[in-house]
Amino acid sequence: MDSILKIFTELPETSKSAIIAAAITFIGVVFAATAAFIGVFVTHRGHEKRFRKQLEHDKEVKRIEREMALRKEIFLGAAEAIVAGIGVIARYADLKVPHDELLHEFNGKRSAIAKVNIIAREETIYAVSAFMDELNATLIHLSLSRHPLILMQIRLTTLMDQINGCGKEKGKLLELMKQLNSEGNTDQHRWNFVKSTFEYEDMKTIEAHQEYTKLSGEFQTDNFTFLEACHRYSLEISKLLIPAVREIRSELELPFDEERYIQMVEKSSHQQTQLINEIFAKFRV
């Protein structure tokens, strides 16, 4: 090091200046290169961080999109099952529908409602569960109320068949009486048999008519009561559905004017009740 300094001091001033200038230039170049490298490194790290954040953001967005798509699929399936469940109440009112067919569509879709418990928030689960509990209780009550009506309907059909059957037998006996009369038949034993048989069929017809008339009145009264119950339960169930609709739309991030929805439900319920009352009034006259 000393030898280098000695050589440097022995150099002419112009050489010293050139060497110093070259050293300064070299240091400047090194400093500039270092600064450039640091700048590039910092910029690269910044880009890398932003890129990593973007990847994490995109990953989170895709996760949310997948979860939302799953929610939509489950909630739409549950909505179809709920509509089918409400529709069962209307089907209960139609006594022509066999009992085994009443719940066929609903039973095929009700498993979709159970999936709500897996994906939904607690508030949604509670709202849907409250609705389903009330619906199940309603269907059990309607089933118990419907069974006696079915038995009455079967009995009315049996009585009408009996009345028609007796009418046919009486018609045959009348034809036989005409035939015996035209033949001039005086066999008193045969005449007594035909007459007693006719009277027996006539008595059965009268008894069947009396029972049919009495039972028909009871059936009409009980059937109207049952129809009114179906209508009332349908309205109550529809109102209980409001909290479930609110929670589901909230989870799907869909706007929901609850007050307006309630007004719509109440208006529809009022119109249905008014129409049902008008129909019942005509049949009861």
C-alpha atoms as a PDB file:
ATOM      1  CA  MET A   1       0.000   0.000   0.000  1.00  0.00           C
ATOM      2  CA  ASP A   2       2.894   2.364   0.897  1.00  0.00           C
ATOM      3  CA  SER A   3       4.656   1.564  -2.349  1.00  0.00           C
ATOM      4  CA  ILE A   4       1.530   2.419  -4.295  1.00  0.00           C
ATOM      5  CA  LEU A   5       1.215   5.746  -2.509  1.00  0.00           C
ATOM      6  CA  LYS A   6       4.946   6.484  -3.154  1.00  0.00           C
ATOM      7  CA  ILE A   7       4.558   5.758  -6.830  1.00  0.00           C
ATOM      8  CA  PHE A   8       1.429   7.904  -6.937  1.00  0.00           C
ATOM      9  CA  THR A   9       3.209  10.882  -5.277  1.00  0.00           C
ATOM     10  CA  GLU A  10       6.088  10.678  -7.749  1.00  0.00           C
ATOM     11  CA  LEU A  11       3.765  10.968 -10.732  1.00  0.00           C
ATOM     12  CA  PRO A  12       3.348  14.263 -12.536  1.00  0.00           C
ATOM     13  CA  GLU A  13       0.376  16.403 -11.522  1.00  0.00           C
ATOM     14  CA  THR A  14      -1.356  15.741 -14.832  1.00  0.00           C
ATOM     15  CA  SER A  15      -1.111  11.975 -14.291  1.00  0.00           C
ATOM     16  CA  LYS A  16      -2.364  12.350 -10.760  1.00  0.00           C
ATOM     17  CA  SER A  17      -5.364  14.349 -11.992  1.00  0.00           C
ATOM     18  CA  ALA A  18      -6.097  11.771 -14.685  1.00  0.00           C
ATOM     19  CA  ILE A  19      -5.892   8.917 -12.204  1.00  0.00           C
ATOM     20  CA  ILE A  20      -8.108  10.743  -9.696  1.00  0.00           C
ATOM     21  CA  ALA A  21     -10.610  11.604 -12.443  1.00  0.00           C
ATOM     22  CA  ALA A  22     -10.621   7.991 -13.628  1.00  0.00           C
ATOM     23  CA  ALA A  23     -11.119   6.780 -10.050  1.00  0.00           C
ATOM     24  CA  ILE A  24     -13.971   9.219  -9.502  1.00  0.00           C
ATOM     25  CA  THR A  25     -15.537   8.141 -12.791  1.00  0.00           C
ATOM     26  CA  PHE A  26     -15.152   4.477 -11.864  1.00  0.00           C
ATOM     27  CA  ILE A  27     -16.691   5.054  -8.437  1.00  0.00           C
ATOM     28  CA  GLY A  28     -19.521   6.985 -10.069  1.00  0.00           C
ATOM     29  CA  VAL A  29     -20.121   4.184 -12.522  1.00  0.00           C
ATOM     30  CA  VAL A  30     -20.056   1.607  -9.735  1.00  0.00           C
ATOM     31  CA  PHE A  31     -22.376   3.742  -7.607  1.00  0.00           C
ATOM     32  CA  ALA A  32     -24.764   4.285 -10.532  1.00  0.00           C
ATOM     33  CA  ALA A  33     -24.737   0.586 -11.363  1.00  0.00           C
ATOM     34  CA  THR A  34     -25.305  -0.276  -7.728  1.00  0.00           C
ATOM     35  CA  ALA A  35     -28.130   2.239  -7.479  1.00  0.00           C
ATOM     36  CA  ALA A  36     -29.651   0.884 -10.681  1.00  0.00           C
ATOM     37  CA  PHE A  37     -29.374  -2.664  -9.381  1.00  0.00           C
ATOM     38  CA  ILE A  38     -30.944  -1.703  -6.087  1.00  0.00           C
ATOM     39  CA  GLY A  39     -33.714   0.110  -7.951  1.00  0.00           C
ATOM     40  CA  VAL A  40     -34.369  -2.894 -10.178  1.00  0.00           C
ATOM     41  CA  PHE A  41     -34.296  -5.214  -7.161  1.00  0.00           C
ATOM     42  CA  VAL A  42     -36.693  -3.066  -5.174  1.00  0.00           C
ATOM     43  CA  THR A  43     -38.998  -2.710  -8.177  1.00  0.00           C
ATOM     44  CA  HIS A  44     -38.888  -6.458  -8.769  1.00  0.00           C
ATOM     45  CA  ARG A  45     -39.676  -7.164  -5.124  1.00  0.00           C
ATOM     46  CA  GLY A  46     -42.531  -4.685  -5.292  1.00  0.00           C
ATOM     47  CA  HIS A  47     -43.912  -6.351  -8.414  1.00  0.00           C
ATOM     48  CA  GLU A  48     -43.465  -9.740  -6.790  1.00  0.00           C
ATOM     49  CA  LYS A  49     -45.381  -8.671  -3.685  1.00  0.00           C
ATOM     50  CA  ARG A  50     -48.151  -7.122  -5.742  1.00  0.00           C
ATOM     51  CA  PHE A  51     -48.318 -10.217  -7.946  1.00  0.00           C
ATOM     52  CA  ARG A  52     -48.480 -12.448  -4.856  1.00  0.00           C
ATOM     53  CA  LYS A  53     -51.243 -10.282  -3.400  1.00  0.00           C
ATOM     54  CA  GLN A  54     -53.078 -10.381  -6.735  1.00  0.00           C
ATOM     55  CA  LEU A  55     -52.833 -14.175  -6.812  1.00  0.00           C
ATOM     56  CA  GLU A  56     -54.129 -14.388  -3.256  1.00  0.00           C
ATOM     57  CA  HIS A  57     -56.913 -11.961  -4.121  1.00  0.00           C
ATOM     58  CA  ASP A  58     -57.868 -13.908  -7.261  1.00  0.00           C
ATOM     59  CA  LYS A  59     -57.798 -17.141  -5.269  1.00  0.00           C
ATOM     60  CA  GLU A  60     -60.076 -15.633  -2.631  1.00  0.00           C
ATOM     61  CA  VAL A  61     -62.434 -14.256  -5.308  1.00  0.00           C
ATOM     62  CA  LYS A  62     -62.646 -17.673  -6.970  1.00  0.00           C
ATOM     63  CA  ARG A  63     -63.284 -19.303  -3.588  1.00  0.00           C
ATOM     64  CA  ILE A  64     -66.104 -16.848  -2.888  1.00  0.00           C
ATOM     65  CA  GLU A  65     -67.526 -17.391  -6.388  1.00  0.00           C
ATOM     66  CA  ARG A  66     -67.468 -21.189  -5.923  1.00  0.00           C
ATOM     67  CA  GLU A  67     -69.101 -20.879  -2.517  1.00  0.00           C
ATOM     68  CA  MET A  68     -71.733 -18.492  -3.861  1.00  0.00           C
ATOM     69  CA  ALA A  69     -72.470 -20.808  -6.792  1.00  0.00           C
ATOM     70  CA  LEU A  70     -72.894 -23.689  -4.351  1.00  0.00           C
ATOM     71  CA  ARG A  71     -75.197 -21.579  -2.176  1.00  0.00           C
ATOM     72  CA  LYS A  72     -77.318 -20.639  -5.177  1.00  0.00           C
ATOM     73  CA  GLU A  73     -77.614 -24.264  -6.252  1.00  0.00           C
ATOM     74  CA  ILE A  74     -78.613 -25.447  -2.769  1.00  0.00           C
ATOM     75  CA  PHE A  75     -80.995 -22.558  -2.093  1.00  0.00           C
ATOM     76  CA  LEU A  76     -82.718 -22.943  -5.480  1.00  0.00           C
ATOM     77  CA  GLY A  77     -83.199 -26.662  -4.816  1.00  0.00           C
ATOM     78  CA  ALA A  78     -84.567 -25.876  -1.355  1.00  0.00           C
ATOM     79  CA  ALA A  79     -86.900 -23.245  -2.839  1.00  0.00           C
ATOM     80  CA  GLU A  80     -88.340 -25.816  -5.269  1.00  0.00           C
ATOM     81  CA  ALA A  81     -88.884 -28.240  -2.386  1.00  0.00           C
ATOM     82  CA  ILE A  82     -90.579 -25.540  -0.292  1.00  0.00           C
ATOM     83  CA  VAL A  83     -92.918 -24.617  -3.143  1.00  0.00           C
ATOM     84  CA  ALA A  84     -93.749 -28.308  -3.572  1.00  0.00           C
ATOM     85  CA  GLY A  85     -94.436 -28.516   0.171  1.00  0.00           C
ATOM     86  CA  ILE A  86     -96.841 -25.583   0.080  1.00  0.00           C
ATOM     87  CA  GLY A  87     -98.486 -27.132  -2.975  1.00  0.00           C
ATOM     88  CA  VAL A  88     -99.235 -30.270  -0.946  1.00  0.00           C
ATOM     89  CA  ILE A  89    -101.679 -28.256   1.170  1.00  0.00           C
ATOM     90  CA  ALA A  90    -103.721 -27.428  -1.925  1.00  0.00           C
ATOM     91  CA  ARG A  91    -103.556 -31.078  -3.037  1.00  0.00           C
ATOM     92  CA  TYR A  92    -104.928 -32.189   0.339  1.00  0.00           C
ATOM     93  CA  ALA A  93    -108.079 -30.202  -0.431  1.00  0.00           C
ATOM     94  CA  ASP A  94    -108.699 -32.349  -3.527  1.00  0.00           C
ATOM     95  CA  LEU A  95    -110.171 -35.555  -2.132  1.00  0.00           C
ATOM     96  CA  LYS A  96    -109.866 -37.220  -5.529  1.00  0.00           C
ATOM     97  CA  VAL A  97    -106.075 -37.372  -5.165  1.00  0.00           C
ATOM     98  CA  PRO A  98    -105.054 -40.690  -3.522  1.00  0.00           C
ATOM     99  CA  HIS A  99    -103.206 -40.336  -0.233  1.00  0.00           C
ATOM    100  CA  ASP A 100    -100.096 -42.082  -1.606  1.00  0.00           C
ATOM    101  CA  GLU A 101     -99.779 -39.462  -4.339  1.00  0.00           C
ATOM    102  CA  LEU A 102    -100.189 -36.394  -2.114  1.00  0.00           C
ATOM    103  CA  LEU A 103     -96.577 -36.253  -0.934  1.00  0.00           C
ATOM    104  CA  HIS A 104     -94.949 -37.913  -3.939  1.00  0.00           C
ATOM    105  CA  GLU A 105     -93.489 -34.752  -5.494  1.00  0.00           C
ATOM    106  CA  PHE A 106     -92.598 -33.174  -2.151  1.00  0.00           C
ATOM    107  CA  ASN A 107     -90.855 -36.293  -0.837  1.00  0.00           C
ATOM    108  CA  GLY A 108     -88.775 -36.411  -4.006  1.00  0.00           C
ATOM    109  CA  LYS A 109     -87.467 -32.887  -3.385  1.00  0.00           C
ATOM    110  CA  ARG A 110     -87.442 -32.422   0.387  1.00  0.00           C
ATOM    111  CA  SER A 111     -83.885 -33.797   0.730  1.00  0.00           C
ATOM    112  CA  ALA A 112     -82.719 -30.549  -0.884  1.00  0.00           C
ATOM    113  CA  ILE A 113     -83.891 -28.675   2.215  1.00  0.00           C
ATOM    114  CA  ALA A 114     -81.557 -30.717   4.443  1.00  0.00           C
ATOM    115  CA  LYS A 115     -78.573 -29.389   2.452  1.00  0.00           C
ATOM    116  CA  VAL A 116     -79.355 -25.902   3.735  1.00  0.00           C
ATOM    117  CA  ASN A 117     -78.091 -26.997   7.160  1.00  0.00           C
ATOM    118  CA  ILE A 118     -74.630 -27.578   5.655  1.00  0.00           C
ATOM    119  CA  ILE A 119     -74.057 -24.343   3.753  1.00  0.00           C
ATOM    120  CA  ALA A 120     -76.332 -21.716   5.327  1.00  0.00           C
ATOM    121  CA  ARG A 121     -75.787 -19.315   8.207  1.00  0.00           C
ATOM    122  CA  GLU A 122     -77.418 -20.024  11.540  1.00  0.00           C
ATOM    123  CA  GLU A 123     -80.134 -17.399  11.008  1.00  0.00           C
ATOM    124  CA  THR A 124     -81.092 -19.010   7.700  1.00  0.00           C
ATOM    125  CA  ILE A 125     -81.077 -22.499   9.210  1.00  0.00           C
ATOM    126  CA  TYR A 126     -83.374 -21.382  12.037  1.00  0.00           C
ATOM    127  CA  ALA A 127     -85.780 -19.631   9.644  1.00  0.00           C
ATOM    128  CA  VAL A 128     -85.993 -22.603   7.268  1.00  0.00           C
ATOM    129  CA  SER A 129     -86.306 -25.064  10.172  1.00  0.00           C
ATOM    130  CA  ALA A 130     -89.152 -23.053  11.701  1.00  0.00           C
ATOM    131  CA  PHE A 131     -90.945 -23.099   8.368  1.00  0.00           C
ATOM    132  CA  MET A 132     -90.435 -26.848   7.886  1.00  0.00           C
ATOM    133  CA  ASP A 133     -91.564 -27.666  11.437  1.00  0.00           C
ATOM    134  CA  GLU A 134     -94.798 -25.770  10.883  1.00  0.00           C
ATOM    135  CA  LEU A 135     -95.300 -27.302   7.438  1.00  0.00           C
ATOM    136  CA  ASN A 136     -94.807 -30.851   8.732  1.00  0.00           C
ATOM    137  CA  ALA A 137     -97.203 -30.219  11.635  1.00  0.00           C
ATOM    138  CA  THR A 138     -99.759 -28.794   9.203  1.00  0.00           C
ATOM    139  CA  LEU A 139     -99.533 -31.784   6.868  1.00  0.00           C
ATOM    140  CA  ILE A 140    -100.010 -34.201   9.779  1.00  0.00           C
ATOM    141  CA  HIS A 141    -103.066 -32.282  10.985  1.00  0.00           C
ATOM    142  CA  LEU A 142    -104.570 -32.123   7.492  1.00  0.00           C
ATOM    143  CA  SER A 143    -103.918 -35.819   6.957  1.00  0.00           C
ATOM    144  CA  LEU A 144    -105.804 -36.692  10.143  1.00  0.00           C
ATOM    145  CA  SER A 145    -108.680 -34.371   9.199  1.00  0.00           C
ATOM    146  CA  ARG A 146    -108.808 -35.672   5.644  1.00  0.00           C
ATOM    147  CA  HIS A 147    -109.102 -39.373   6.516  1.00  0.00           C
ATOM    148  CA  PRO A 148    -112.708 -39.218   7.879  1.00  0.00           C
ATOM    149  CA  LEU A 149    -113.755 -37.304   4.767  1.00  0.00           C
ATOM    150  CA  ILE A 150    -112.299 -40.029   2.561  1.00  0.00           C
ATOM    151  CA  LEU A 151    -114.249 -42.656   4.519  1.00  0.00           C
ATOM    152  CA  MET A 152    -117.436 -40.634   4.161  1.00  0.00           C
ATOM    153  CA  GLN A 153    -116.808 -40.232   0.454  1.00  0.00           C
ATOM    154  CA  ILE A 154    -116.300 -43.989   0.071  1.00  0.00           C
ATOM    155  CA  ARG A 155    -119.520 -44.644   1.991  1.00  0.00           C
ATOM    156  CA  LEU A 156    -121.437 -42.189  -0.202  1.00  0.00           C
ATOM    157  CA  THR A 157    -120.149 -43.948  -3.302  1.00  0.00           C
ATOM    158  CA  THR A 158    -121.192 -47.316  -1.845  1.00  0.00           C
ATOM    159  CA  LEU A 159    -124.676 -46.009  -1.038  1.00  0.00           C
ATOM    160  CA  MET A 160    -125.089 -44.565  -4.527  1.00  0.00           C
ATOM    161  CA  ASP A 161    -124.013 -47.878  -6.052  1.00  0.00           C
ATOM    162  CA  GLN A 162    -126.544 -49.603  -3.795  1.00  0.00           C
ATOM    163  CA  ILE A 163    -129.306 -47.208  -4.846  1.00  0.00           C
ATOM    164  CA  ASN A 164    -128.502 -47.720  -8.512  1.00  0.00           C
ATOM    165  CA  GLY A 165    -128.304 -51.486  -8.025  1.00  0.00           C
ATOM    166  CA  CYS A 166    -131.688 -51.571  -6.261  1.00  0.00           C
ATOM    167  CA  GLY A 167    -133.149 -49.439  -9.026  1.00  0.00           C
ATOM    168  CA  LYS A 168    -131.996 -51.938 -11.635  1.00  0.00           C
ATOM    169  CA  GLU A 169    -133.418 -54.870  -9.644  1.00  0.00           C
ATOM    170  CA  LYS A 170    -136.742 -53.079  -9.218  1.00  0.00           C
ATOM    171  CA  GLY A 171    -136.818 -52.417 -12.942  1.00  0.00           C
ATOM    172  CA  LYS A 172    -136.265 -56.114 -13.651  1.00  0.00           C
ATOM    173  CA  LEU A 173    -139.018 -57.051 -11.184  1.00  0.00           C
ATOM    174  CA  LEU A 174    -141.443 -54.603 -12.803  1.00  0.00           C
ATOM    175  CA  GLU A 175    -140.713 -56.142 -16.182  1.00  0.00           C
ATOM    176  CA  LEU A 176    -141.330 -59.573 -14.694  1.00  0.00           C
ATOM    177  CA  MET A 177    -144.669 -58.413 -13.239  1.00  0.00           C
ATOM    178  CA  LYS A 178    -145.700 -57.091 -16.660  1.00  0.00           C
ATOM    179  CA  GLN A 179    -144.725 -60.379 -18.240  1.00  0.00           C
ATOM    180  CA  LEU A 180    -146.678 -62.432 -15.665  1.00  0.00           C
ATOM    181  CA  ASN A 181    -149.690 -60.185 -16.116  1.00  0.00           C
ATOM    182  CA  SER A 182    -149.588 -60.399 -19.897  1.00  0.00           C
ATOM    183  CA  GLU A 183    -149.321 -64.180 -19.689  1.00  0.00           C
ATOM    184  CA  GLY A 184    -152.282 -64.277 -17.346  1.00  0.00           C
ATOM    185  CA  ASN A 185    -150.235 -66.124 -14.772  1.00  0.00           C
ATOM    186  CA  THR A 186    -152.270 -66.775 -11.606  1.00  0.00           C
ATOM    187  CA  ASP A 187    -149.551 -68.565  -9.623  1.00  0.00           C
ATOM    188  CA  GLN A 188    -150.061 -66.770  -6.306  1.00  0.00           C
ATOM    189  CA  HIS A 189    -146.846 -68.125  -4.819  1.00  0.00           C
ATOM    190  CA  ARG A 190    -144.805 -66.662  -7.663  1.00  0.00           C
ATOM    191  CA  TRP A 191    -146.645 -63.358  -7.499  1.00  0.00           C
ATOM    192  CA  ASN A 192    -146.019 -63.119  -3.756  1.00  0.00           C
ATOM    193  CA  PHE A 193    -142.304 -63.838  -4.255  1.00  0.00           C
ATOM    194  CA  VAL A 194    -141.942 -61.148  -6.915  1.00  0.00           C
ATOM    195  CA  LYS A 195    -143.940 -58.648  -4.848  1.00  0.00           C
ATOM    196  CA  SER A 196    -141.969 -59.300  -1.609  1.00  0.00           C
ATOM    197  CA  THR A 197    -138.703 -59.077  -3.481  1.00  0.00           C
ATOM    198  CA  PHE A 198    -139.759 -55.765  -5.021  1.00  0.00           C
ATOM    199  CA  GLU A 199    -140.777 -54.420  -1.614  1.00  0.00           C
ATOM    200  CA  TYR A 200    -137.461 -55.525  -0.140  1.00  0.00           C
ATOM    201  CA  GLU A 201    -135.488 -53.760  -2.886  1.00  0.00           C
ATOM    202  CA  ASP A 202    -137.691 -50.699  -2.452  1.00  0.00           C
ATOM    203  CA  MET A 203    -137.063 -50.683   1.314  1.00  0.00           C
ATOM    204  CA  LYS A 204    -133.301 -50.925   0.734  1.00  0.00           C
ATOM    205  CA  THR A 205    -133.543 -48.054  -1.732  1.00  0.00           C
ATOM    206  CA  ILE A 206    -135.406 -45.865   0.759  1.00  0.00           C
ATOM    207  CA  GLU A 207    -132.965 -46.653   3.566  1.00  0.00           C
ATOM    208  CA  ALA A 208    -129.973 -46.002   1.303  1.00  0.00           C
ATOM    209  CA  HIS A 209    -131.524 -42.701   0.163  1.00  0.00           C
ATOM    210  CA  GLN A 210    -132.116 -41.608   3.735  1.00  0.00           C
ATOM    211  CA  GLU A 211    -128.589 -42.461   4.816  1.00  0.00           C
ATOM    212  CA  TYR A 212    -127.144 -40.892   1.661  1.00  0.00           C
ATOM    213  CA  THR A 213    -129.087 -37.650   2.215  1.00  0.00           C
ATOM    214  CA  LYS A 214    -128.010 -37.423   5.859  1.00  0.00           C
ATOM    215  CA  LEU A 215    -124.398 -38.350   5.197  1.00  0.00           C
ATOM    216  CA  SER A 216    -124.196 -36.077   2.151  1.00  0.00           C
ATOM    217  CA  GLY A 217    -125.178 -33.082   4.291  1.00  0.00           C
ATOM    218  CA  GLU A 218    -122.586 -33.972   6.909  1.00  0.00           C
ATOM    219  CA  PHE A 219    -119.956 -34.505   4.246  1.00  0.00           C
ATOM    220  CA  GLN A 220    -120.649 -31.135   2.626  1.00  0.00           C
ATOM    221  CA  THR A 221    -120.394 -29.323   5.973  1.00  0.00           C
ATOM    222  CA  ASP A 222    -117.218 -31.139   7.029  1.00  0.00           C
ATOM    223  CA  ASN A 223    -115.696 -30.756   3.581  1.00  0.00           C
ATOM    224  CA  PHE A 224    -116.231 -26.986   3.588  1.00  0.00           C
ATOM    225  CA  THR A 225    -114.645 -26.821   7.043  1.00  0.00           C
ATOM    226  CA  PHE A 226    -111.689 -28.815   5.766  1.00  0.00           C
ATOM    227  CA  LEU A 227    -111.313 -26.618   2.680  1.00  0.00           C
ATOM    228  CA  GLU A 228    -111.331 -23.523   4.858  1.00  0.00           C
ATOM    229  CA  ALA A 229    -108.665 -25.106   7.064  1.00  0.00           C
ATOM    230  CA  CYS A 230    -106.505 -25.854   4.006  1.00  0.00           C
ATOM    231  CA  HIS A 231    -106.844 -22.259   2.872  1.00  0.00           C
ATOM    232  CA  ARG A 232    -106.086 -20.878   6.339  1.00  0.00           C
ATOM    233  CA  TYR A 233    -103.016 -23.081   6.782  1.00  0.00           C
ATOM    234  CA  SER A 234    -101.785 -22.114   3.332  1.00  0.00           C
ATOM    235  CA  LEU A 235    -101.918 -18.422   4.250  1.00  0.00           C
ATOM    236  CA  GLU A 236    -100.200 -18.996   7.596  1.00  0.00           C
ATOM    237  CA  ILE A 237     -97.435 -21.029   5.986  1.00  0.00           C
ATOM    238  CA  SER A 238     -96.879 -18.336   3.360  1.00  0.00           C
ATOM    239  CA  LYS A 239     -96.372 -15.697   6.061  1.00  0.00           C
ATOM    240  CA  LEU A 240     -93.960 -17.938   7.956  1.00  0.00           C
ATOM    241  CA  LEU A 241     -91.899 -18.216   4.775  1.00  0.00           C
ATOM    242  CA  ILE A 242     -91.023 -14.499   4.884  1.00  0.00           C
ATOM    243  CA  PRO A 243     -88.090 -14.810   7.366  1.00  0.00           C
ATOM    244  CA  ALA A 244     -86.630 -17.681   5.341  1.00  0.00           C
ATOM    245  CA  VAL A 245     -86.845 -15.657   2.119  1.00  0.00           C
ATOM    246  CA  ARG A 246     -85.203 -12.687   3.852  1.00  0.00           C
ATOM    247  CA  GLU A 247     -82.272 -14.715   5.162  1.00  0.00           C
ATOM    248  CA  ILE A 248     -81.701 -16.596   1.904  1.00  0.00           C
ATOM    249  CA  ARG A 249     -81.678 -13.408  -0.174  1.00  0.00           C
ATOM    250  CA  SER A 250     -79.279 -11.861   2.344  1.00  0.00           C
ATOM    251  CA  GLU A 251     -76.879 -14.784   1.937  1.00  0.00           C
ATOM    252  CA  LEU A 252     -77.072 -14.460  -1.827  1.00  0.00           C
ATOM    253  CA  GLU A 253     -76.419 -10.716  -1.495  1.00  0.00           C
ATOM    254  CA  LEU A 254     -79.699  -9.895  -3.218  1.00  0.00           C
ATOM    255  CA  PRO A 255     -81.735  -6.799  -2.311  1.00  0.00           C
ATOM    256  CA  PHE A 256     -84.912  -7.443  -0.340  1.00  0.00           C
ATOM    257  CA  ASP A 257     -87.604  -4.944   0.629  1.00  0.00           C
ATOM    258  CA  GLU A 258     -89.191  -6.927   3.460  1.00  0.00           C
ATOM    259  CA  GLU A 259     -91.942  -4.410   4.156  1.00  0.00           C
ATOM    260  CA  ARG A 260     -93.025  -4.354   0.525  1.00  0.00           C
ATOM    261  CA  TYR A 261     -92.862  -8.156   0.351  1.00  0.00           C
ATOM    262  CA  ILE A 262     -95.081  -8.447   3.437  1.00  0.00           C
ATOM    263  CA  GLN A 263     -97.587  -6.043   1.897  1.00  0.00           C
ATOM    264  CA  MET A 264     -97.614  -8.138  -1.280  1.00  0.00           C
ATOM    265  CA  VAL A 265     -98.230 -11.345   0.694  1.00  0.00           C
ATOM    266  CA  GLU A 266    -101.016  -9.737   2.730  1.00  0.00           C
ATOM    267  CA  LYS A 267    -102.670  -8.339  -0.400  1.00  0.00           C
ATOM    268  CA  SER A 268    -102.537 -11.728  -2.108  1.00  0.00           C
ATOM    269  CA  SER A 269    -103.907 -13.424   1.030  1.00  0.00           C
ATOM    270  CA  HIS A 270    -106.784 -10.950   1.220  1.00  0.00           C
ATOM    271  CA  GLN A 271    -107.700 -11.463  -2.430  1.00  0.00           C
ATOM    272  CA  GLN A 272    -107.581 -15.253  -2.088  1.00  0.00           C
ATOM    273  CA  THR A 273    -109.693 -15.187   1.077  1.00  0.00           C
ATOM    274  CA  GLN A 274    -112.271 -12.947  -0.560  1.00  0.00           C
ATOM    275  CA  LEU A 275    -112.484 -15.233  -3.595  1.00  0.00           C
ATOM    276  CA  ILE A 276    -112.753 -18.387  -1.450  1.00  0.00           C
ATOM    277  CA  ASN A 277    -115.507 -16.836   0.665  1.00  0.00           C
ATOM    278  CA  GLU A 278    -117.475 -15.891  -2.467  1.00  0.00           C
ATOM    279  CA  ILE A 279    -117.185 -19.443  -3.824  1.00  0.00           C
ATOM    280  CA  PHE A 280    -118.181 -21.004  -0.507  1.00  0.00           C
ATOM    281  CA  ALA A 281    -121.134 -18.630  -0.215  1.00  0.00           C
ATOM    282  CA  LYS A 282    -122.492 -19.800  -3.597  1.00  0.00           C
ATOM    283  CA  PHE A 283    -122.217 -23.482  -2.692  1.00  0.00           C
ATOM    284  CA  ARG A 284    -123.771 -23.003   0.727  1.00  0.00           C
ATOM    285  CA  VAL A 285    -126.897 -21.320  -0.624  1.00  0.00           C
END
